[in-house]
């Protein structure tokens, strides 16, 4: 089971991670800390915003329906 999220580092250098309910029965988890550049952080914010944008979602659905009947051969 994997959970990934981006957090802001507090001034006191502490992080508080709220795990999803599905981790309730788990006794151990692995935590990996990775630096995220500001440009990547901004990109992630834009992606999150786009994921709720009705026009963007409509475009995605249109593209998906265009390829619905497509058959791809790997020969």
N, C-alpha and C. Protein backbone atom coordinates (compact mmCIF):
# COMPACT_ATOMS: atom_id res chain seq x y z
N UNK A 1 0.86 -1.16 0.00
CA UNK A 1 0.00 0.00 0.00
C UNK A 1 0.90 1.23 0.00
N UNK A 2 0.59 2.19 -0.86
CA UNK A 2 1.42 3.38 -0.98
C UNK A 2 0.57 4.63 -0.77
N UNK A 3 1.15 5.60 -0.12
CA UNK A 3 0.53 6.91 0.10
C UNK A 3 1.60 7.94 -0.14
N UNK A 4 1.31 8.91 -0.99
CA UNK A 4 2.29 9.96 -1.28
C UNK A 4 1.60 11.31 -1.19
N UNK A 5 2.26 12.24 -0.56
CA UNK A 5 1.72 13.59 -0.42
C UNK A 5 2.89 14.56 -0.26
N UNK A 6 2.65 15.81 -0.54
CA UNK A 6 3.68 16.84 -0.39
C UNK A 6 3.31 17.71 0.81
N UNK A 7 4.29 17.99 1.65
CA UNK A 7 4.08 18.76 2.86
C UNK A 7 5.02 19.95 2.90
N UNK A 8 4.60 20.98 3.58
CA UNK A 8 5.45 22.15 3.82
C UNK A 8 6.28 21.89 5.08
N UNK A 9 7.56 22.19 5.01
CA UNK A 9 8.43 22.05 6.19
C UNK A 9 8.17 23.24 7.10
N UNK A 10 7.87 22.95 8.35
CA UNK A 10 7.59 23.99 9.34
C UNK A 10 8.90 24.65 9.79
N UNK A 11 8.81 25.82 10.37
CA UNK A 11 10.01 26.54 10.81
C UNK A 11 10.82 25.75 11.84
N UNK A 12 10.13 24.94 12.64
CA UNK A 12 10.84 24.14 13.65
C UNK A 12 11.37 22.83 13.08
N UNK A 13 11.29 22.67 11.75
CA UNK A 13 11.79 21.51 11.03
C UNK A 13 11.04 20.22 11.37
N UNK A 14 9.79 20.32 11.79
CA UNK A 14 8.96 19.16 12.08
C UNK A 14 7.93 18.98 10.97
N UNK A 15 7.59 17.73 10.75
CA UNK A 15 6.50 17.38 9.83
C UNK A 15 5.49 16.55 10.60
N UNK A 16 4.23 16.84 10.38
CA UNK A 16 3.16 16.01 10.93
C UNK A 16 2.43 15.42 9.74
N UNK A 17 2.45 14.10 9.65
CA UNK A 17 1.86 13.40 8.51
C UNK A 17 0.58 12.72 8.96
N UNK A 18 -0.53 13.12 8.39
CA UNK A 18 -1.81 12.48 8.68
C UNK A 18 -2.00 11.35 7.68
N UNK A 19 -1.93 10.12 8.16
CA UNK A 19 -2.06 8.96 7.28
C UNK A 19 -3.54 8.68 6.99
N UNK A 20 -3.82 8.15 5.80
CA UNK A 20 -5.19 7.78 5.47
C UNK A 20 -5.70 6.65 6.37
N UNK A 21 -7.00 6.53 6.46
CA UNK A 21 -7.63 5.53 7.32
C UNK A 21 -7.16 4.11 7.01
N UNK A 22 -6.85 3.83 5.74
CA UNK A 22 -6.45 2.47 5.36
C UNK A 22 -5.15 2.01 6.03
N UNK A 23 -4.42 2.92 6.68
CA UNK A 23 -3.19 2.58 7.39
C UNK A 23 -3.44 2.29 8.87
N UNK A 24 -4.68 2.35 9.30
CA UNK A 24 -5.00 2.21 10.72
C UNK A 24 -4.42 0.94 11.33
N UNK A 25 -4.47 -0.16 10.64
CA UNK A 25 -4.01 -1.43 11.20
C UNK A 25 -2.51 -1.66 11.02
N UNK A 26 -1.82 -0.77 10.36
CA UNK A 26 -0.39 -0.96 10.09
C UNK A 26 0.45 -0.55 11.29
N UNK A 27 1.49 -1.32 11.55
CA UNK A 27 2.39 -1.04 12.68
C UNK A 27 3.68 -0.37 12.24
N UNK A 28 4.05 -0.53 10.95
CA UNK A 28 5.28 0.06 10.45
C UNK A 28 5.03 0.64 9.06
N UNK A 29 5.65 1.76 8.77
CA UNK A 29 5.61 2.36 7.43
C UNK A 29 7.00 2.87 7.10
N UNK A 30 7.28 3.04 5.82
CA UNK A 30 8.55 3.59 5.37
C UNK A 30 8.32 5.05 4.99
N UNK A 31 9.18 5.93 5.47
CA UNK A 31 9.09 7.35 5.16
C UNK A 31 10.35 7.74 4.40
N UNK A 32 10.18 8.33 3.23
CA UNK A 32 11.30 8.82 2.43
C UNK A 32 11.12 10.33 2.28
N UNK A 33 12.14 11.08 2.60
CA UNK A 33 12.09 12.54 2.49
C UNK A 33 12.89 12.95 1.27
N UNK A 34 12.24 13.67 0.37
CA UNK A 34 12.86 14.10 -0.88
C UNK A 34 12.61 15.60 -1.06
N UNK A 35 13.66 16.31 -1.39
CA UNK A 35 13.54 17.75 -1.64
C UNK A 35 12.75 17.97 -2.93
N UNK A 36 11.86 18.95 -2.92
CA UNK A 36 11.09 19.30 -4.11
C UNK A 36 11.41 20.75 -4.45
N UNK A 37 11.84 20.97 -5.69
CA UNK A 37 12.17 22.33 -6.10
C UNK A 37 10.90 23.16 -6.21
N UNK A 38 11.05 24.46 -6.13
CA UNK A 38 9.89 25.36 -6.20
C UNK A 38 9.15 25.22 -7.53
N UNK A 39 9.89 25.04 -8.63
CA UNK A 39 9.22 24.92 -9.93
C UNK A 39 8.39 23.63 -9.98
N UNK A 40 8.90 22.56 -9.41
CA UNK A 40 8.13 21.31 -9.37
C UNK A 40 6.92 21.49 -8.47
N UNK A 41 7.11 22.16 -7.36
CA UNK A 41 6.01 22.41 -6.42
C UNK A 41 4.90 23.20 -7.10
N UNK A 42 5.27 24.20 -7.86
CA UNK A 42 4.26 24.98 -8.60
C UNK A 42 3.56 24.12 -9.63
N UNK A 43 4.33 23.25 -10.29
CA UNK A 43 3.74 22.34 -11.27
C UNK A 43 2.73 21.40 -10.64
N UNK A 44 3.05 20.90 -9.46
CA UNK A 44 2.14 20.01 -8.74
C UNK A 44 0.86 20.76 -8.37
N UNK A 45 1.00 22.00 -7.92
CA UNK A 45 -0.18 22.81 -7.59
C UNK A 45 -1.07 23.00 -8.81
N UNK A 46 -0.45 23.26 -9.96
CA UNK A 46 -1.22 23.44 -11.19
C UNK A 46 -1.92 22.15 -11.61
N UNK A 47 -1.23 21.02 -11.46
CA UNK A 47 -1.86 19.74 -11.80
C UNK A 47 -3.05 19.45 -10.89
N UNK A 48 -2.91 19.74 -9.61
CA UNK A 48 -4.03 19.54 -8.69
C UNK A 48 -5.21 20.43 -9.06
N UNK A 49 -4.90 21.67 -9.44
CA UNK A 49 -5.95 22.60 -9.84
C UNK A 49 -6.63 22.11 -11.13
N UNK A 50 -5.83 21.63 -12.08
CA UNK A 50 -6.36 21.16 -13.36
C UNK A 50 -7.25 19.94 -13.16
N UNK A 51 -6.93 19.12 -12.17
CA UNK A 51 -7.71 17.90 -11.95
C UNK A 51 -9.14 18.18 -11.52
N UNK A 52 -9.43 19.43 -11.17
CA UNK A 52 -10.79 19.82 -10.77
C UNK A 52 -11.41 20.78 -11.76
N UNK A 53 -10.69 21.12 -12.81
CA UNK A 53 -11.18 22.08 -13.80
C UNK A 53 -12.14 21.40 -14.77
N UNK A 54 -13.40 21.85 -14.85
CA UNK A 54 -14.40 21.19 -15.71
C UNK A 54 -13.99 21.16 -17.19
N UNK A 55 -13.41 22.23 -17.70
CA UNK A 55 -13.02 22.27 -19.11
C UNK A 55 -11.90 21.26 -19.39
N UNK A 56 -10.92 21.20 -18.50
CA UNK A 56 -9.82 20.24 -18.64
C UNK A 56 -10.36 18.82 -18.61
N UNK A 57 -11.23 18.53 -17.65
CA UNK A 57 -11.80 17.18 -17.53
C UNK A 57 -12.63 16.82 -18.75
N UNK A 58 -13.33 17.79 -19.29
CA UNK A 58 -14.10 17.56 -20.51
C UNK A 58 -13.17 17.21 -21.67
N UNK A 59 -12.08 17.95 -21.80
CA UNK A 59 -11.09 17.66 -22.85
C UNK A 59 -10.52 16.25 -22.71
N UNK A 60 -10.19 15.87 -21.48
CA UNK A 60 -9.65 14.54 -21.23
C UNK A 60 -10.66 13.47 -21.64
N UNK A 61 -11.92 13.68 -21.28
CA UNK A 61 -12.96 12.72 -21.66
C UNK A 61 -13.14 12.64 -23.17
N UNK A 62 -13.04 13.78 -23.85
CA UNK A 62 -13.15 13.80 -25.31
C UNK A 62 -12.02 12.99 -25.95
N UNK A 63 -10.81 13.19 -25.48
CA UNK A 63 -9.67 12.46 -26.02
C UNK A 63 -9.82 10.96 -25.74
N UNK A 64 -10.23 10.63 -24.52
CA UNK A 64 -10.40 9.22 -24.17
C UNK A 64 -11.46 8.57 -25.07
N UNK A 65 -12.54 9.28 -25.34
CA UNK A 65 -13.59 8.70 -26.19
C UNK A 65 -13.12 8.56 -27.63
N UNK A 66 -12.24 9.46 -28.09
CA UNK A 66 -11.68 9.36 -29.44
C UNK A 66 -10.90 8.06 -29.62
N UNK A 67 -10.26 7.59 -28.57
CA UNK A 67 -9.43 6.38 -28.65
C UNK A 67 -10.15 5.14 -28.14
N UNK A 68 -11.40 5.28 -27.74
CA UNK A 68 -12.15 4.18 -27.17
C UNK A 68 -12.18 2.94 -28.07
N UNK A 69 -12.39 3.15 -29.36
CA UNK A 69 -12.51 2.05 -30.30
C UNK A 69 -11.22 1.72 -31.04
N UNK A 70 -10.16 2.43 -30.72
CA UNK A 70 -8.89 2.20 -31.40
C UNK A 70 -8.29 0.86 -30.98
N UNK A 71 -7.74 0.16 -31.95
CA UNK A 71 -7.07 -1.12 -31.67
C UNK A 71 -5.62 -0.94 -32.06
N UNK A 72 -4.74 -1.21 -31.11
CA UNK A 72 -3.32 -1.04 -31.37
C UNK A 72 -2.67 -2.41 -31.50
N UNK A 73 -1.87 -2.57 -32.55
CA UNK A 73 -1.18 -3.82 -32.77
C UNK A 73 0.27 -3.66 -32.35
N UNK A 74 0.78 -4.65 -31.65
CA UNK A 74 2.17 -4.61 -31.19
C UNK A 74 3.08 -5.44 -32.10
N UNK A 75 2.58 -5.80 -33.29
CA UNK A 75 3.37 -6.61 -34.22
C UNK A 75 4.41 -5.79 -34.92
